[in-house]
Each structure stands twice: as structure tokens, then as C-alpha cells.
Amino acid sequence: MKIVGVIPARYESSRFPGKPLADICGKPMIWWVYNQVKKVKELQEVYVATDDERIKKECEKYGIKAVMTKNSHKTHLDRLAEFVNQIDADFYININGDEPLIDPKNIQKLVPDNTLDPKSFYFANAMTILKKPVELVDNARIKIVTDVDGYGLYMARTPIPYPKGTSEFNYKKFVGIQCFSKSALEFCGITPRGEIESIEDIDEYRFLEHGKKIKFILVDADSFSVDTEKDLEKVRKIISNKL
């Protein structure tokens, strides 16, 4: 069974252009993400899927395998769907390119075991318990509600569920680690964005709106995505203190 890691990295971003190349203690952010992913021994190969020659050249500078994809993709799912046409595998572990503090142990929890049929339609996503109250109202942090078997019911940028009946529960948020079978990513390539996906701007609704299941796997993740310059400064301090 072949499992590859893929890190989507686009240059243009409404909130933070050029984010993958942002300097963190002398290395670009994409370098830090890649080196965390490479620690996962179950991944036979790790690639960066980008739309910009500047990112590709920086990857090559550090010996990182990079694949060029179109710059017209609206979501990372569309970029991954193109990627599978270039790199063949049974399963693909997607890791967001803006999480330089990602824990390799949490990536490993998304690696499928040998009982999972590579020909099946499979999509799993990591989630974690929300620990900081301010993240509850941060629309960059996607909140998640699952059924009793751990499959996604709905996702939102606003706080969900609403605590009318009780407040004795933990809010859960999205973590940027995903596992796809090849057929799941091929589905993304032929399925356009739906209404809720466009409204919430949450890519994973591509599956939920079409009746496809998302298995959410709980991980203990303290890392956070770099969405703003302020986030970048926090990450720089954390990594600097570890050096």
C-alpha cells in the first residue's frame, strides 16, 4: 500500500500573500512543515503541490520534491485532485502548508491501517478539543460537530453547537491533517463547489453536501495555523525558544 504526503502551497492569499515563503528563524515556513511531515515513517514520499515558481524554486533549494499545479484552483481540494493525476498512490495524507508546528504523531493517527481497502471511498480529517476561549469566536478556526460514530454532521466558522440545553461539552475544531483515498480526491476533481461550501468557505462541505462521509479523528493538537502576520510572530517565538 502506497501512502504519500502532500502539502498544498499557493502563493496568493487574501490575508497573507506569499505565506509559504514567510521567514521563520532563517527558513521558509514550507521548510518547517515539510520537515515535520518527513518524520512520519509510514509516508513513502512527501511532496509540495504549488502554483508558483517561486515556491517551487525554494523547495528545490532545500531538496523538497515539488509538483506544479494550476493557479486557478479555488480550493486545496481542487489542487489535490490535480495532484493525484501526477503522483499515483493508494492514499494521500494532506497537511496544510501553514502549520509549521504540526506534530508528526498527529499525522500518524491519520495513516490508514492495512484493513482499509485502497479502492474504497475514504476521507478522514483530524480534529481537536478547543482549549482557548478566544478561538470560539475566531472565524478562522472551523468548529465541528460529529455523530456518535465520529462522522461529520456539520461545520461552521461560528460557535457550534449552541449551548441552550447544556454547557457541559467540549467544542471541537478542525486540524489541517487529512487522509484521502484516490477515489475521494478524484470525486473532488469532477464535483463543483456547492452552495454551503461557497457560503461558509469550508472546502469539506464538498463531501457533506453530496452525502459523502467524513470520518473525524480526535488528536491532541496544540499547534495552530498561520493565517495572519500576528500568528507568524507567535510561531517565530515558539520555534526560536526551541532552537
Protein backbone atom coordinates (compact mmCIF):
# COMPACT_ATOMS: atom_id res chain seq x y z
CA MET A 1 0.00 0.00 0.00
CA LYS A 2 1.50 3.29 -1.11
CA ILE A 3 0.85 6.36 1.06
CA VAL A 4 2.24 9.76 0.15
CA GLY A 5 2.17 13.07 1.95
CA VAL A 6 1.20 16.22 0.10
CA ILE A 7 1.45 19.83 1.25
CA PRO A 8 -0.60 22.27 -0.87
CA ALA A 9 1.09 25.66 -1.04
CA ARG A 10 -0.29 28.55 -3.06
CA TYR A 11 1.34 31.93 -3.24
CA GLU A 12 -1.68 34.20 -3.43
CA SER A 13 -3.70 34.65 -0.26
CA SER A 14 -6.19 37.39 0.55
CA ARG A 15 -4.96 37.64 4.13
CA PHE A 16 -1.29 36.73 3.75
CA PRO A 17 0.27 36.71 0.23
CA GLY A 18 3.45 34.65 -0.07
CA LYS A 19 2.76 32.86 3.20
CA PRO A 20 4.63 29.59 2.36
CA LEU A 21 7.83 31.62 1.92
CA ALA A 22 7.47 33.60 5.15
CA ASP A 23 10.73 33.52 7.08
CA ILE A 24 10.82 31.60 10.34
CA CYS A 25 14.22 31.63 12.01
CA GLY A 26 16.09 31.67 8.69
CA LYS A 27 13.99 29.08 6.83
CA PRO A 28 10.75 29.45 4.84
CA MET A 29 7.57 28.23 6.52
CA ILE A 30 7.12 25.47 3.94
CA TRP A 31 10.51 24.02 5.03
CA TRP A 32 9.34 23.72 8.64
CA VAL A 33 6.10 21.99 7.61
CA TYR A 34 7.89 19.60 5.25
CA ASN A 35 10.43 18.55 7.86
CA GLN A 36 7.71 17.77 10.38
CA VAL A 37 5.86 15.66 7.80
CA LYS A 38 9.05 13.79 6.80
CA LYS A 39 9.26 12.40 10.34
CA VAL A 40 6.25 10.18 9.61
CA LYS A 41 7.85 6.88 8.55
CA GLU A 42 4.64 5.48 7.05
CA LEU A 43 4.82 8.02 4.21
CA GLN A 44 6.84 6.68 1.30
CA GLU A 45 7.14 10.13 -0.30
CA VAL A 46 6.32 13.74 0.59
CA TYR A 47 5.55 16.45 -1.99
CA VAL A 48 4.66 20.11 -2.08
CA ALA A 49 1.87 20.90 -4.56
CA THR A 50 2.22 24.54 -5.56
CA ASP A 51 1.04 27.01 -8.18
CA ASP A 52 4.02 29.34 -8.10
CA GLU A 53 7.56 29.02 -9.46
CA ARG A 54 8.96 30.99 -6.51
CA ILE A 55 7.72 28.34 -4.10
CA LYS A 56 8.93 25.52 -6.36
CA LYS A 57 12.42 27.03 -6.61
CA GLU A 58 12.60 27.47 -2.84
CA CYS A 59 11.59 23.85 -2.37
CA GLU A 60 14.25 22.66 -4.80
CA LYS A 61 16.82 24.74 -2.92
CA TYR A 62 16.17 22.58 0.16
CA GLY A 63 15.78 19.26 -1.67
CA ILE A 64 11.99 19.20 -1.32
CA LYS A 65 10.02 17.47 -4.08
CA ALA A 66 7.57 19.93 -5.62
CA VAL A 67 4.84 19.47 -8.23
CA MET A 68 3.39 22.39 -10.20
CA THR A 69 -0.40 22.73 -10.32
CA LYS A 70 -2.71 25.32 -11.84
CA ASN A 71 -3.05 28.76 -10.26
CA SER A 72 -6.78 28.81 -10.99
CA HIS A 73 -7.80 26.35 -8.26
CA LYS A 74 -10.25 27.87 -5.77
CA THR A 75 -9.65 25.31 -3.04
CA HIS A 76 -6.97 22.92 -1.82
CA LEU A 77 -9.28 20.04 -2.77
CA ASP A 78 -9.12 21.08 -6.43
CA ARG A 79 -5.32 21.29 -6.21
CA LEU A 80 -5.14 17.82 -4.66
CA ALA A 81 -7.44 16.43 -7.35
CA GLU A 82 -4.94 17.63 -9.96
CA PHE A 83 -2.04 16.28 -7.92
CA VAL A 84 -3.37 12.70 -7.97
CA ASN A 85 -3.18 12.75 -11.77
CA GLN A 86 0.56 13.37 -11.50
CA ILE A 87 1.53 11.25 -8.48
CA ASP A 88 -0.07 7.82 -8.14
CA ALA A 89 -0.73 6.33 -4.70
CA ASP A 90 -3.36 4.41 -2.75
CA PHE A 91 -3.83 7.03 -0.04
CA TYR A 92 -2.84 10.67 0.27
CA ILE A 93 -2.18 12.44 3.56
CA ASN A 94 -2.80 16.16 3.15
CA ILE A 95 -1.10 18.53 5.57
CA ASN A 96 -1.84 22.25 5.48
CA GLY A 97 1.18 24.27 4.45
CA ASP A 98 0.56 26.87 7.14
CA GLU A 99 1.08 24.62 10.19
CA PRO A 100 4.84 24.64 10.89
CA LEU A 101 4.26 23.35 14.44
CA ILE A 102 2.33 20.28 13.33
CA ASP A 103 3.09 17.21 15.47
CA PRO A 104 4.17 14.14 13.42
CA LYS A 105 2.39 11.90 15.96
CA ASN A 106 -0.91 13.51 15.00
CA ILE A 107 -0.20 12.94 11.31
CA GLN A 108 0.41 9.27 12.08
CA LYS A 109 -3.07 8.97 13.56
CA LEU A 110 -4.50 9.68 10.10
CA VAL A 111 -2.44 6.98 8.39
CA PRO A 112 -4.83 4.18 7.30
CA ASP A 113 -4.20 0.65 8.53
CA ASN A 114 -3.89 -2.40 6.33
CA THR A 115 -7.56 -3.35 6.76
CA LEU A 116 -8.73 -0.31 4.77
CA ASP A 117 -9.42 -1.10 1.12
CA PRO A 118 -7.42 1.28 -1.14
CA LYS A 119 -10.25 1.12 -3.68
CA SER A 120 -12.81 2.37 -1.17
CA PHE A 121 -14.12 5.92 -0.96
CA TYR A 122 -12.45 7.25 2.16
CA PHE A 123 -11.90 10.66 3.70
CA ALA A 124 -10.72 11.28 7.27
CA ASN A 125 -9.95 14.60 8.94
CA ALA A 126 -8.24 15.43 12.24
CA MET A 127 -9.96 17.49 14.92
CA THR A 128 -9.03 18.59 18.42
CA ILE A 129 -10.73 19.95 21.51
CA LEU A 130 -10.79 23.73 21.51
CA LYS A 131 -8.77 24.89 24.51
CA LYS A 132 -8.61 28.68 24.14
CA PRO A 133 -11.96 30.51 24.59
CA VAL A 134 -10.97 33.23 22.11
CA GLU A 135 -10.81 30.62 19.33
CA LEU A 136 -14.53 30.03 19.74
CA VAL A 137 -15.29 33.37 18.11
CA ASP A 138 -12.34 33.31 15.70
CA ASN A 139 -13.84 32.66 12.26
CA ALA A 140 -10.51 31.30 11.03
CA ARG A 141 -10.98 28.32 13.37
CA ILE A 142 -13.54 25.91 11.94
CA LYS A 143 -15.77 24.26 14.54
CA ILE A 144 -17.03 20.70 14.10
CA VAL A 145 -19.96 18.57 15.25
CA THR A 146 -19.95 14.80 14.69
CA ASP A 147 -22.39 11.95 15.14
CA VAL A 148 -21.93 9.16 17.71
CA ASP A 149 -19.64 7.26 15.33
CA GLY A 150 -17.34 10.23 14.72
CA TYR A 151 -18.66 11.17 11.28
CA GLY A 152 -19.15 14.86 10.49
CA LEU A 153 -22.65 16.31 10.79
CA TYR A 154 -21.87 19.96 10.20
CA MET A 155 -19.07 22.51 10.34
CA ALA A 156 -19.07 26.26 10.82
CA ARG A 157 -16.90 29.29 11.48
CA THR A 158 -19.30 30.36 14.21
CA PRO A 159 -19.63 28.51 17.57
CA ILE A 160 -21.47 25.19 17.21
CA PRO A 161 -23.39 23.57 18.78
CA TYR A 162 -25.35 26.30 20.56
CA PRO A 163 -25.40 25.57 24.34
CA LYS A 164 -29.13 26.06 25.00
CA GLY A 165 -29.76 22.74 26.76
CA THR A 166 -26.39 22.38 28.47
CA SER A 167 -22.88 23.79 28.52
CA GLU A 168 -21.32 20.51 29.68
CA PHE A 169 -19.46 19.64 26.49
CA ASN A 170 -16.24 20.39 24.63
CA TYR A 171 -16.12 22.42 21.45
CA LYS A 172 -14.04 20.80 18.73
CA LYS A 173 -12.14 22.44 15.91
CA PHE A 174 -10.66 21.45 12.58
CA VAL A 175 -6.99 20.43 12.35
CA GLY A 176 -5.28 20.63 8.97
CA ILE A 177 -4.45 16.93 8.53
CA GLN A 178 -6.50 14.79 6.15
CA CYS A 179 -6.38 11.34 4.58
CA PHE A 180 -7.97 10.61 1.21
CA SER A 181 -8.28 7.53 -0.92
CA LYS A 182 -7.59 8.21 -4.58
CA SER A 183 -11.27 7.91 -5.48
CA ALA A 184 -12.18 10.55 -2.88
CA LEU A 185 -9.83 13.08 -4.47
CA GLU A 186 -10.98 12.16 -7.96
CA PHE A 187 -14.51 12.95 -6.74
CA CYS A 188 -13.31 16.45 -5.82
CA GLY A 189 -11.97 16.95 -9.33
CA ILE A 190 -15.33 16.33 -11.00
CA THR A 191 -17.62 17.86 -8.37
CA PRO A 192 -18.10 21.66 -8.34
CA ARG A 193 -18.41 23.75 -5.18
CA GLY A 194 -21.85 23.57 -3.60
CA GLU A 195 -23.94 26.32 -2.07
CA ILE A 196 -22.98 25.75 1.58
CA GLU A 197 -19.31 25.26 0.69
CA SER A 198 -19.35 28.65 -1.01
CA ILE A 199 -21.27 30.38 1.79
CA GLU A 200 -19.17 29.08 4.69
CA ASP A 201 -15.98 28.89 2.57
CA ILE A 202 -15.28 25.49 4.10
CA ASP A 203 -13.93 23.11 1.46
CA GLU A 204 -15.02 19.95 3.27
CA TYR A 205 -18.68 20.69 2.52
CA ARG A 206 -17.85 19.35 -0.95
CA PHE A 207 -18.35 15.94 0.68
CA LEU A 208 -21.15 16.66 3.15
CA GLU A 209 -23.35 18.40 0.58
CA HIS A 210 -23.22 15.31 -1.62
CA GLY A 211 -23.90 12.76 1.10
CA LYS A 212 -20.30 11.62 1.43
CA LYS A 213 -18.98 10.76 4.89
CA ILE A 214 -16.09 12.45 6.65
CA LYS A 215 -14.51 10.48 9.48
CA PHE A 216 -13.18 12.84 12.15
CA ILE A 217 -10.29 11.56 14.25
CA LEU A 218 -9.56 13.23 17.58
CA VAL A 219 -5.95 14.29 18.15
CA ASP A 220 -4.30 16.28 20.92
CA ALA A 221 -3.05 19.20 18.86
CA ASP A 222 -1.61 22.37 20.33
CA SER A 223 -0.37 23.77 17.02
CA PHE A 224 -2.29 26.38 15.10
CA SER A 225 -2.36 27.56 11.52
CA VAL A 226 -0.59 30.73 10.44
CA ASP A 227 -3.38 32.85 8.99
CA THR A 228 -2.06 36.32 9.81
CA GLU A 229 1.19 38.20 10.50
CA LYS A 230 0.33 38.04 14.21
CA ASP A 231 0.15 34.23 14.01
CA LEU A 232 3.54 34.23 12.29
CA GLU A 233 5.12 36.23 15.10
CA LYS A 234 3.79 33.73 17.65
CA VAL A 235 5.24 30.81 15.70
CA ARG A 236 8.61 32.54 15.34
CA LYS A 237 8.83 32.97 19.10
CA ILE A 238 7.86 29.36 19.79
CA ILE A 239 10.38 27.93 17.32
CA SER A 240 13.10 30.37 18.40
CA ASN A 241 12.71 29.23 22.00
CA LYS A 242 13.17 25.60 20.91
CA LEU A 243 16.42 26.22 18.97
